[in-house]
Structure formats: C-alpha cells, structure tokens
C-alpha cells in the first residue's frame, strides 16, 4: 500500500531485467489487455533493449526499496533531434498520485538536456488514462498505426519547474512510532 507521493524517490539508473521490474511491468499492463509482452523472457529482452538504446535515459521510482514506476527514454531516436519515450510504467496502486506525470516530466527534461527538440511516444488507442495525461502535458495526436496512436510534443517550451530537484519526491519523514 503506497504511503504517499512524497515517500517516493525517482532515481536515474539503467533498467535491469530484475524480477522486480518485470513484475512491475506485468502489474501495470495487466488491465490494458493487448498492449504488452506476455512472457517474462520477452519483457526481460525488452528491458535490455531499452537499456541498450539509451543507458542514461531511464528513471525508476522507488517507494522504499520497491520499484513502483519507471520511464525509458531514447535521446538517440531519429538522429537525436526527436527523443522517444518508449515506456512509462506505474504500478496500479500508485496511479492517480502524480507519479506518471513526474516520471514523464523527468524524461522530457532529460531529452531536452540531451539536445532533442521534440518528443514522441506511441500509446494504445484504448488507453484513455495515459492519453489524457499526455494531452494534459501538451502532447498532440500525430498519426496512427493499427491500435497505436503517435503523440508528439515540442520540448522547447517545458516549464522551468523541471529542475531535477523539483521532480524528485522527498523521502518520507521517519515514522515516530506509537
């Protein structure tokens, strides 16, 4: 059970194929039906591919030692002018708390710092919750392919609040006990 968004810290680190991240991936995608890999070996290979694409472009959210979300970006997409968000995953228990937004903003700030001028992502057409988040942050639909919707956003006008310290949730104060 999540304590609060303030208890979560976001850390820039390469994705691993750990059981914790694979389990997180499955928990997040289970309600979405047909938008995800079904087998552990596929997810492990996918996480390895994401790490290979941009080893410094991923951020993992932790509640204590437990990973509860991550974003995988790619600053080398389309010759480095367009940055890609390949994956945004938030544990269902932590959805609706602003964690997806914080991860997305962190990822976009990273892409901008790496020289990307635009950001793109693909989202399932029936994933209305994610599409609403992306629209709220300035993404616009810019094409379709089968069940996928391409969304893009300029990175030139990100708000200044995107300083790294503004996006890293502070650790929760120690529990004073009974």
N, C-alpha and C. Protein backbone atom coordinates (compact mmCIF):
# COMPACT_ATOMS: atom_id res chain seq x y z
N UNK A 1 0.85 -1.18 0.00
CA UNK A 1 0.00 0.00 0.00
C UNK A 1 0.89 1.24 0.00
N UNK A 2 0.69 2.15 -0.96
CA UNK A 2 1.53 3.33 -1.02
C UNK A 2 1.32 4.25 0.17
N UNK A 3 2.42 4.81 0.63
CA UNK A 3 2.33 5.78 1.72
C UNK A 3 1.84 7.11 1.18
N UNK A 4 2.59 7.71 0.28
CA UNK A 4 2.19 8.94 -0.39
C UNK A 4 3.24 9.24 -1.45
N UNK A 5 2.90 10.15 -2.34
CA UNK A 5 3.84 10.51 -3.40
C UNK A 5 5.11 11.10 -2.80
N UNK A 6 5.01 11.74 -1.66
CA UNK A 6 6.19 12.34 -1.03
C UNK A 6 7.20 11.28 -0.58
N UNK A 7 6.75 10.04 -0.38
CA UNK A 7 7.65 8.97 0.06
C UNK A 7 8.43 8.36 -1.10
N UNK A 8 8.12 8.76 -2.31
CA UNK A 8 8.72 8.15 -3.48
C UNK A 8 9.92 8.98 -3.95
N UNK A 9 10.98 8.27 -4.28
CA UNK A 9 12.15 8.94 -4.85
C UNK A 9 12.35 8.43 -6.27
N UNK A 10 12.74 9.33 -7.15
CA UNK A 10 12.98 8.99 -8.55
C UNK A 10 14.48 9.04 -8.79
N UNK A 11 15.01 7.94 -9.31
CA UNK A 11 16.44 7.78 -9.47
C UNK A 11 16.76 7.52 -10.94
N UNK A 12 17.75 8.23 -11.46
CA UNK A 12 18.21 7.96 -12.82
C UNK A 12 19.15 6.76 -12.76
N UNK A 13 18.73 5.67 -13.39
CA UNK A 13 19.57 4.47 -13.41
C UNK A 13 19.15 3.59 -14.57
N UNK A 14 20.09 2.81 -15.11
CA UNK A 14 19.75 1.92 -16.22
C UNK A 14 18.74 0.86 -15.77
N UNK A 15 17.86 0.51 -16.68
CA UNK A 15 16.89 -0.55 -16.39
C UNK A 15 17.61 -1.89 -16.35
N UNK A 16 17.18 -2.72 -15.46
CA UNK A 16 17.72 -4.08 -15.39
C UNK A 16 16.60 -5.05 -15.76
N UNK A 17 16.95 -6.27 -15.92
CA UNK A 17 15.95 -7.30 -16.18
C UNK A 17 15.55 -7.99 -14.89
N UNK A 18 15.59 -7.24 -13.78
CA UNK A 18 15.30 -7.84 -12.48
C UNK A 18 13.85 -8.31 -12.39
N UNK A 19 13.64 -9.27 -11.53
CA UNK A 19 12.28 -9.79 -11.31
C UNK A 19 11.36 -8.68 -10.84
N UNK A 20 11.86 -7.74 -10.02
CA UNK A 20 11.03 -6.64 -9.53
C UNK A 20 10.50 -5.78 -10.67
N UNK A 21 11.37 -5.44 -11.64
CA UNK A 21 10.92 -4.61 -12.76
C UNK A 21 10.00 -5.38 -13.69
N UNK A 22 10.28 -6.65 -13.90
CA UNK A 22 9.41 -7.46 -14.74
C UNK A 22 8.03 -7.59 -14.09
N UNK A 23 7.99 -7.84 -12.80
CA UNK A 23 6.70 -7.93 -12.09
C UNK A 23 5.94 -6.61 -12.16
N UNK A 24 6.66 -5.49 -12.00
CA UNK A 24 6.05 -4.17 -12.10
C UNK A 24 5.43 -3.97 -13.48
N UNK A 25 6.15 -4.34 -14.52
CA UNK A 25 5.66 -4.24 -15.89
C UNK A 25 4.34 -5.00 -16.04
N UNK A 26 4.31 -6.24 -15.56
CA UNK A 26 3.08 -7.04 -15.68
C UNK A 26 1.93 -6.45 -14.87
N UNK A 27 2.19 -5.97 -13.65
CA UNK A 27 1.12 -5.36 -12.84
C UNK A 27 0.53 -4.15 -13.55
N UNK A 28 1.37 -3.33 -14.15
CA UNK A 28 0.90 -2.11 -14.79
C UNK A 28 0.11 -2.40 -16.06
N UNK A 29 0.53 -3.39 -16.82
CA UNK A 29 -0.11 -3.65 -18.11
C UNK A 29 -1.28 -4.62 -18.05
N UNK A 30 -1.41 -5.39 -17.00
CA UNK A 30 -2.45 -6.40 -16.93
C UNK A 30 -3.85 -5.86 -17.28
N UNK A 31 -4.24 -4.70 -16.75
CA UNK A 31 -5.60 -4.22 -17.07
C UNK A 31 -5.76 -3.70 -18.50
N UNK A 32 -4.67 -3.60 -19.25
CA UNK A 32 -4.75 -2.98 -20.58
C UNK A 32 -4.95 -3.96 -21.72
N UNK A 33 -5.06 -5.23 -21.42
CA UNK A 33 -5.37 -6.18 -22.48
C UNK A 33 -4.23 -6.49 -23.41
N UNK A 34 -4.27 -5.97 -24.62
CA UNK A 34 -3.36 -6.43 -25.66
C UNK A 34 -2.20 -5.48 -25.99
N UNK A 35 -1.77 -4.69 -25.05
CA UNK A 35 -0.70 -3.73 -25.33
C UNK A 35 0.65 -4.11 -24.71
N UNK A 36 0.87 -5.36 -24.38
CA UNK A 36 2.11 -5.67 -23.67
C UNK A 36 2.63 -7.06 -24.01
N UNK A 37 3.90 -7.28 -23.65
CA UNK A 37 4.50 -8.60 -23.81
C UNK A 37 3.92 -9.55 -22.77
N UNK A 38 3.74 -10.80 -23.13
CA UNK A 38 3.07 -11.77 -22.27
C UNK A 38 4.01 -12.68 -21.49
N UNK A 39 5.25 -12.79 -21.92
CA UNK A 39 6.17 -13.75 -21.31
C UNK A 39 7.35 -13.04 -20.66
N UNK A 40 7.77 -13.57 -19.54
CA UNK A 40 8.86 -12.97 -18.76
C UNK A 40 10.13 -12.79 -19.61
N UNK A 41 10.44 -13.77 -20.43
CA UNK A 41 11.65 -13.69 -21.26
C UNK A 41 11.54 -12.53 -22.26
N UNK A 42 10.34 -12.30 -22.79
CA UNK A 42 10.14 -11.17 -23.70
C UNK A 42 10.33 -9.84 -22.98
N UNK A 43 9.78 -9.72 -21.79
CA UNK A 43 9.91 -8.48 -21.02
C UNK A 43 11.37 -8.24 -20.67
N UNK A 44 12.05 -9.29 -20.25
CA UNK A 44 13.48 -9.16 -19.90
C UNK A 44 14.28 -8.68 -21.12
N UNK A 45 14.02 -9.26 -22.28
CA UNK A 45 14.71 -8.84 -23.51
C UNK A 45 14.35 -7.40 -23.87
N UNK A 46 13.09 -7.03 -23.68
CA UNK A 46 12.65 -5.66 -23.96
C UNK A 46 13.35 -4.66 -23.04
N UNK A 47 13.42 -4.96 -21.75
CA UNK A 47 14.11 -4.07 -20.82
C UNK A 47 15.59 -3.95 -21.20
N UNK A 48 16.19 -5.02 -21.66
CA UNK A 48 17.59 -4.98 -22.11
C UNK A 48 17.72 -4.07 -23.33
N UNK A 49 16.76 -4.18 -24.27
CA UNK A 49 16.76 -3.33 -25.45
C UNK A 49 16.63 -1.86 -25.06
N UNK A 50 15.71 -1.58 -24.11
CA UNK A 50 15.53 -0.19 -23.65
C UNK A 50 16.83 0.34 -23.04
N UNK A 51 17.49 -0.47 -22.22
CA UNK A 51 18.76 -0.07 -21.59
C UNK A 51 19.82 0.19 -22.65
N UNK A 52 19.86 -0.65 -23.66
CA UNK A 52 20.84 -0.50 -24.73
C UNK A 52 20.60 0.78 -25.54
N UNK A 53 19.35 1.11 -25.80
CA UNK A 53 19.03 2.30 -26.61
C UNK A 53 19.58 3.57 -25.99
N UNK A 54 19.43 3.74 -24.68
CA UNK A 54 19.92 4.95 -24.01
C UNK A 54 20.16 4.60 -22.53
N UNK A 55 21.35 4.13 -22.20
CA UNK A 55 21.62 3.65 -20.83
C UNK A 55 21.38 4.68 -19.73
N UNK A 56 21.50 5.97 -20.04
CA UNK A 56 21.28 7.00 -19.01
C UNK A 56 19.89 7.62 -19.11
N UNK A 57 19.05 7.11 -19.99
CA UNK A 57 17.75 7.72 -20.24
C UNK A 57 16.59 7.11 -19.50
N UNK A 58 16.85 6.35 -18.46
CA UNK A 58 15.74 5.77 -17.70
C UNK A 58 15.77 6.25 -16.26
N UNK A 59 14.57 6.35 -15.70
CA UNK A 59 14.38 6.80 -14.33
C UNK A 59 13.42 5.82 -13.66
N UNK A 60 13.79 5.41 -12.46
CA UNK A 60 12.98 4.44 -11.72
C UNK A 60 12.48 5.11 -10.45
N UNK A 61 11.19 4.95 -10.17
CA UNK A 61 10.58 5.48 -8.95
C UNK A 61 10.55 4.37 -7.91
N UNK A 62 10.99 4.70 -6.70
CA UNK A 62 11.04 3.73 -5.61
C UNK A 62 10.21 4.22 -4.44
N UNK A 63 9.47 3.31 -3.84
CA UNK A 63 8.86 3.53 -2.54
C UNK A 63 9.63 2.61 -1.60
N UNK A 64 10.55 3.17 -0.85
CA UNK A 64 11.50 2.36 -0.10
C UNK A 64 12.36 1.62 -1.10
N UNK A 65 12.54 0.32 -0.93
CA UNK A 65 13.36 -0.44 -1.87
C UNK A 65 12.56 -0.96 -3.09
N UNK A 66 11.26 -0.77 -3.07
CA UNK A 66 10.38 -1.35 -4.10
C UNK A 66 10.21 -0.41 -5.29
N UNK A 67 10.53 -0.89 -6.52
CA UNK A 67 10.25 -0.06 -7.69
C UNK A 67 8.75 0.00 -7.95
N UNK A 68 8.23 1.22 -8.15
CA UNK A 68 6.79 1.40 -8.36
C UNK A 68 6.47 2.11 -9.66
N UNK A 69 7.50 2.44 -10.42
CA UNK A 69 7.29 3.07 -11.72
C UNK A 69 8.61 3.27 -12.41
N UNK A 70 8.56 3.42 -13.73
CA UNK A 70 9.77 3.79 -14.47
C UNK A 70 9.40 4.38 -15.81
N UNK A 71 10.36 5.12 -16.34
CA UNK A 71 10.25 5.67 -17.69
C UNK A 71 11.54 5.33 -18.41
N UNK A 72 11.41 4.98 -19.69
CA UNK A 72 12.57 4.71 -20.54
C UNK A 72 12.50 5.64 -21.74
N UNK A 73 13.49 6.51 -21.84
CA UNK A 73 13.55 7.46 -22.95
C UNK A 73 14.69 7.06 -23.88
N UNK A 74 14.73 7.72 -25.02
CA UNK A 74 15.75 7.43 -26.02
C UNK A 74 16.14 8.73 -26.69
N UNK A 75 17.28 9.28 -26.31
CA UNK A 75 17.74 10.55 -26.88
C UNK A 75 18.43 10.35 -28.22
N UNK A 76 18.56 9.13 -28.67
CA UNK A 76 19.22 8.83 -29.95
C UNK A 76 18.21 8.54 -31.06
N UNK A 77 16.95 8.69 -30.78
CA UNK A 77 15.89 8.40 -31.74
C UNK A 77 15.95 9.43 -32.86
N UNK A 78 15.69 9.03 -34.07
CA UNK A 78 15.62 9.94 -35.22
C UNK A 78 16.81 10.89 -35.26
N UNK A 79 18.00 10.36 -35.19
CA UNK A 79 19.26 11.12 -35.28
C UNK A 79 19.42 12.15 -34.17
N UNK A 80 18.77 11.94 -33.06
CA UNK A 80 18.95 12.81 -31.90
C UNK A 80 18.14 14.08 -31.91
N UNK A 81 17.35 14.33 -32.93
CA UNK A 81 16.53 15.54 -32.94
C UNK A 81 15.17 15.29 -32.28
N UNK A 82 14.71 14.06 -32.39
CA UNK A 82 13.45 13.66 -31.76
C UNK A 82 13.80 12.65 -30.68
N UNK A 83 13.36 12.92 -29.48
CA UNK A 83 13.54 11.97 -28.39
C UNK A 83 12.29 11.12 -28.27
N UNK A 84 12.49 9.88 -27.93
CA UNK A 84 11.35 8.97 -27.79
C UNK A 84 11.14 8.59 -26.34
N UNK A 85 9.89 8.47 -25.98
CA UNK A 85 9.53 7.85 -24.71
C UNK A 85 9.03 6.47 -25.10
N UNK A 86 9.85 5.47 -24.83
CA UNK A 86 9.50 4.11 -25.23
C UNK A 86 8.58 3.44 -24.20
N UNK A 87 8.71 3.84 -22.95
CA UNK A 87 7.93 3.15 -21.93
C UNK A 87 7.71 4.05 -20.73
N UNK A 88 6.48 4.07 -20.25
CA UNK A 88 6.11 4.72 -18.98
C UNK A 88 5.24 3.72 -18.24
N UNK A 89 5.72 3.28 -17.09
CA UNK A 89 5.05 2.23 -16.33
C UNK A 89 4.85 2.72 -14.89
N UNK A 90 3.62 2.62 -14.39
CA UNK A 90 3.33 2.97 -13.00
C UNK A 90 2.49 1.84 -12.40
N UNK A 91 2.92 1.39 -11.25
CA UNK A 91 2.20 0.35 -10.52
C UNK A 91 0.75 0.82 -10.32
N UNK A 92 -0.24 -0.02 -10.56
CA UNK A 92 -1.65 0.40 -10.40
C UNK A 92 -1.96 0.98 -9.02
N UNK A 93 -1.29 0.50 -7.97
CA UNK A 93 -1.52 1.04 -6.63
C UNK A 93 -1.06 2.49 -6.50
N UNK A 94 -0.23 2.95 -7.41
CA UNK A 94 0.34 4.29 -7.33
C UNK A 94 -0.20 5.21 -8.42
N UNK A 95 -1.11 4.72 -9.23
CA UNK A 95 -1.67 5.56 -10.28
C UNK A 95 -2.63 6.57 -9.67
N UNK A 96 -2.71 7.73 -10.30
CA UNK A 96 -3.58 8.80 -9.82
C UNK A 96 -2.95 9.67 -8.74
N UNK A 97 -1.68 9.45 -8.45
CA UNK A 97 -0.98 10.21 -7.40
C UNK A 97 -0.02 11.26 -7.98
N UNK A 98 0.11 11.31 -9.31
CA UNK A 98 1.03 12.24 -9.94
C UNK A 98 2.39 11.63 -10.28
N UNK A 99 2.55 10.34 -10.03
CA UNK A 99 3.83 9.70 -10.29
C UNK A 99 4.11 9.59 -11.79
N UNK A 100 3.13 9.22 -12.58
CA UNK A 100 3.32 9.15 -14.02
C UNK A 100 3.71 10.50 -14.59
N UNK A 101 3.06 11.54 -14.11
CA UNK A 101 3.38 12.90 -14.56
C UNK A 101 4.81 13.26 -14.19
N UNK A 102 5.22 12.96 -12.96
CA UNK A 102 6.58 13.27 -12.52
C UNK A 102 7.62 12.52 -13.35
N UNK A 103 7.37 11.25 -13.63
CA UNK A 103 8.29 10.48 -14.46
C UNK A 103 8.35 11.02 -15.88
N UNK A 104 7.19 11.36 -16.42
CA UNK A 104 7.14 11.89 -17.78
C UNK A 104 7.88 13.22 -17.88
N UNK A 105 7.68 14.10 -16.92
CA UNK A 105 8.38 15.37 -16.92
C UNK A 105 9.89 15.17 -16.79
N UNK A 106 10.28 14.25 -15.94
CA UNK A 106 11.70 13.95 -15.78
C UNK A 106 12.29 13.45 -17.10
N UNK A 107 11.57 12.55 -17.76
CA UNK A 107 12.05 12.03 -19.03
C UNK A 107 12.15 13.11 -20.10
N UNK A 108 11.15 13.99 -20.18
CA UNK A 108 11.19 15.06 -21.17
C UNK A 108 12.33 16.04 -20.88
N UNK A 109 12.57 16.36 -19.62
CA UNK A 109 13.68 17.24 -19.26
C UNK A 109 15.01 16.62 -19.66
N UNK A 110 15.13 15.32 -19.46
CA UNK A 110 16.35 14.61 -19.86
C UNK A 110 16.55 14.73 -21.37
N UNK A 111 15.50 14.46 -22.14
CA UNK A 111 15.61 14.53 -23.60
C UNK A 111 16.00 15.92 -24.06
N UNK A 112 15.40 16.93 -23.47
CA UNK A 112 15.73 18.31 -23.84
C UNK A 112 17.19 18.61 -23.51
N UNK A 113 17.65 18.18 -22.34
CA UNK A 113 19.04 18.41 -21.94
C UNK A 113 20.02 17.71 -22.88
N UNK A 114 19.57 16.64 -23.52
CA UNK A 114 20.42 15.91 -24.47
C UNK A 114 20.33 16.47 -25.89
N UNK A 115 19.61 17.58 -26.07
CA UNK A 115 19.56 18.25 -27.36
C UNK A 115 18.37 17.91 -28.24
N UNK A 116 17.45 17.11 -27.76
CA UNK A 116 16.26 16.79 -28.54
C UNK A 116 15.33 18.00 -28.56
N UNK A 117 14.72 18.25 -29.70
CA UNK A 117 13.81 19.39 -29.85
C UNK A 117 12.35 18.98 -29.75
N UNK A 118 12.09 17.70 -29.98
CA UNK A 118 10.72 17.19 -29.97
C UNK A 118 10.73 15.83 -29.29
N UNK A 119 9.57 15.46 -28.77
CA UNK A 119 9.41 14.19 -28.08
C UNK A 119 8.25 13.45 -28.73
N UNK A 120 8.41 12.14 -28.89
CA UNK A 120 7.31 11.33 -29.42
C UNK A 120 7.12 10.09 -28.57
N UNK A 121 5.92 9.59 -28.62
CA UNK A 121 5.60 8.32 -27.96
C UNK A 121 4.44 7.69 -28.70
N UNK A 122 4.26 6.40 -28.45
CA UNK A 122 3.14 5.66 -29.00
C UNK A 122 2.34 5.11 -27.84
N UNK A 123 1.03 5.22 -27.93
CA UNK A 123 0.16 4.77 -26.85
C UNK A 123 -1.01 3.99 -27.45
N UNK A 124 -1.48 3.00 -26.73
CA UNK A 124 -2.62 2.22 -27.19
C UNK A 124 -3.86 3.08 -27.31
N UNK A 125 -4.61 2.89 -28.39
CA UNK A 125 -5.77 3.74 -28.65
C UNK A 125 -6.83 3.66 -27.56
N UNK A 126 -6.90 2.55 -26.84
CA UNK A 126 -7.90 2.41 -25.77
C UNK A 126 -7.34 2.78 -24.40
N UNK A 127 -6.11 3.20 -24.33
CA UNK A 127 -5.51 3.59 -23.05
C UNK A 127 -5.83 5.07 -22.79
N UNK A 128 -7.09 5.33 -22.50
CA UNK A 128 -7.57 6.71 -22.34
C UNK A 128 -6.89 7.44 -21.18
N UNK A 129 -6.60 6.74 -20.12
CA UNK A 129 -5.96 7.40 -18.97
C UNK A 129 -4.60 7.96 -19.36
N UNK A 130 -3.79 7.17 -20.04
CA UNK A 130 -2.48 7.64 -20.48
C UNK A 130 -2.62 8.75 -21.51
N UNK A 131 -3.52 8.58 -22.45
CA UNK A 131 -3.70 9.61 -23.48
C UNK A 131 -4.11 10.94 -22.86
N UNK A 132 -4.95 10.90 -21.83
CA UNK A 132 -5.36 12.13 -21.14
C UNK A 132 -4.15 12.79 -20.46
N UNK A 133 -3.31 11.99 -19.82
CA UNK A 133 -2.10 12.53 -19.19
C UNK A 133 -1.22 13.21 -20.23
N UNK A 134 -1.00 12.55 -21.35
CA UNK A 134 -0.14 13.11 -22.38
C UNK A 134 -0.72 14.41 -22.95
N UNK A 135 -2.03 14.41 -23.21
CA UNK A 135 -2.67 15.64 -23.71
C UNK A 135 -2.53 16.77 -22.69
N UNK A 136 -2.71 16.44 -21.41
CA UNK A 136 -2.59 17.44 -20.34
C UNK A 136 -1.20 18.06 -20.30
N UNK A 137 -0.20 17.31 -20.72
CA UNK A 137 1.17 17.83 -20.73
C UNK A 137 1.60 18.35 -22.10
N UNK A 138 0.63 18.58 -22.98
CA UNK A 138 0.91 19.25 -24.25
C UNK A 138 1.16 18.36 -25.45
N UNK A 139 1.02 17.06 -25.30
CA UNK A 139 1.18 16.17 -26.45
C UNK A 139 -0.05 16.26 -27.35
N UNK A 140 0.18 16.11 -28.65
CA UNK A 140 -0.92 16.09 -29.61
C UNK A 140 -0.83 14.81 -30.43
N UNK A 141 -1.99 14.29 -30.78
CA UNK A 141 -2.02 13.11 -31.62
C UNK A 141 -1.49 13.48 -32.99
N UNK A 142 -0.62 12.62 -33.51
CA UNK A 142 0.06 12.92 -34.75
C UNK A 142 0.26 11.65 -35.57
N UNK A 143 -0.80 10.89 -35.74
CA UNK A 143 -0.73 9.69 -36.56
C UNK A 143 -1.20 8.45 -35.81
N UNK A 144 -1.48 7.41 -36.58
CA UNK A 144 -1.94 6.13 -36.04
C UNK A 144 -1.32 5.02 -36.85
N UNK A 145 -1.17 3.89 -36.17
CA UNK A 145 -0.74 2.67 -36.82
C UNK A 145 -1.41 1.52 -36.11
N UNK A 146 -2.42 0.94 -36.74
CA UNK A 146 -3.18 -0.13 -36.11
C UNK A 146 -3.82 0.36 -34.82
N UNK A 147 -3.54 -0.33 -33.71
CA UNK A 147 -4.13 0.02 -32.41
C UNK A 147 -3.32 1.08 -31.66
N UNK A 148 -2.30 1.64 -32.30
CA UNK A 148 -1.39 2.58 -31.65
C UNK A 148 -1.62 4.00 -32.15
N UNK A 149 -1.48 4.97 -31.24
CA UNK A 149 -1.60 6.39 -31.55
C UNK A 149 -0.25 7.04 -31.30
N UNK A 150 0.26 7.76 -32.27
CA UNK A 150 1.51 8.50 -32.11
C UNK A 150 1.18 9.88 -31.56
N UNK A 151 1.89 10.28 -30.50
CA UNK A 151 1.70 11.60 -29.91
C UNK A 151 3.05 12.28 -29.85
N UNK A 152 3.05 13.59 -30.14
CA UNK A 152 4.29 14.36 -30.15
C UNK A 152 4.12 15.65 -29.36
N UNK A 153 5.27 16.20 -28.97
CA UNK A 153 5.28 17.46 -28.23
C UNK A 153 6.63 18.12 -28.42
N UNK A 154 6.62 19.44 -28.61
CA UNK A 154 7.87 20.19 -28.65
C UNK A 154 8.49 20.18 -27.26
N UNK A 155 9.79 20.15 -27.20
CA UNK A 155 10.49 20.22 -25.91
C UNK A 155 11.03 21.63 -25.64
N UNK A 156 10.75 22.57 -26.55
CA UNK A 156 11.26 23.93 -26.40
C UNK A 156 10.56 24.71 -25.29
N UNK A 157 9.35 24.33 -24.94
CA UNK A 157 8.56 25.15 -24.02
C UNK A 157 8.24 24.44 -22.71
N UNK A 158 9.14 23.58 -22.26
CA UNK A 158 8.90 22.91 -20.98
C UNK A 158 8.97 23.95 -19.86
N UNK A 159 8.13 23.82 -18.87
CA UNK A 159 8.17 24.78 -17.76
C UNK A 159 9.48 24.68 -16.99
N UNK A 160 9.90 25.79 -16.41
CA UNK A 160 11.14 25.83 -15.65
C UNK A 160 11.10 24.97 -14.41
N UNK A 161 9.92 24.57 -13.97
CA UNK A 161 9.79 23.75 -12.78
C UNK A 161 10.46 22.38 -12.96
N UNK A 162 10.98 22.13 -14.14
CA UNK A 162 11.55 20.83 -14.42
C UNK A 162 12.97 20.65 -13.91
N UNK A 163 13.43 21.50 -13.03
CA UNK A 163 14.73 21.26 -12.42
C UNK A 163 14.69 19.92 -11.72
N UNK A 164 15.78 19.14 -11.79
CA UNK A 164 15.76 17.80 -11.20
C UNK A 164 15.29 17.76 -9.76
N UNK A 165 15.68 18.73 -8.95
CA UNK A 165 15.26 18.68 -7.55
C UNK A 165 13.76 18.88 -7.39
N UNK A 166 13.11 19.51 -8.35
CA UNK A 166 11.66 19.71 -8.26
C UNK A 166 10.90 18.44 -8.60
N UNK A 167 11.54 17.51 -9.29
CA UNK A 167 10.86 16.30 -9.71
C UNK A 167 11.17 15.09 -8.85
N UNK A 168 12.14 15.19 -8.01
CA UNK A 168 12.47 14.06 -7.15
C UNK A 168 11.68 14.21 -5.87
N UNK A 169 10.79 13.28 -5.66
CA UNK A 169 9.98 13.35 -4.43
C UNK A 169 10.90 13.18 -3.23
N UNK A 170 10.61 13.91 -2.20
CA UNK A 170 11.41 13.84 -0.98
C UNK A 170 11.10 12.55 -0.23
N UNK A 171 12.10 12.00 0.46
CA UNK A 171 11.80 10.81 1.27
C UNK A 171 10.84 11.17 2.39
N UNK A 172 10.04 10.21 2.79
CA UNK A 172 9.08 10.43 3.86
C UNK A 172 9.84 10.63 5.18
N UNK A 173 9.31 11.49 6.06
CA UNK A 173 9.96 11.64 7.36
C UNK A 173 9.88 10.33 8.13
N UNK A 174 10.82 10.09 9.02
CA UNK A 174 10.78 8.84 9.80
C UNK A 174 9.49 8.73 10.59
N UNK A 175 9.00 7.52 10.67
CA UNK A 175 7.78 7.25 11.45
C UNK A 175 8.13 7.33 12.93
N UNK A 176 7.45 8.23 13.67
CA UNK A 176 7.79 8.37 15.10
C UNK A 176 7.36 7.18 15.94
N UNK A 177 6.61 6.27 15.34
CA UNK A 177 6.18 5.08 16.09
C UNK A 177 4.99 5.38 16.97
N UNK A 178 4.58 4.39 17.79
CA UNK A 178 3.38 4.55 18.60
C UNK A 178 3.58 5.51 19.77
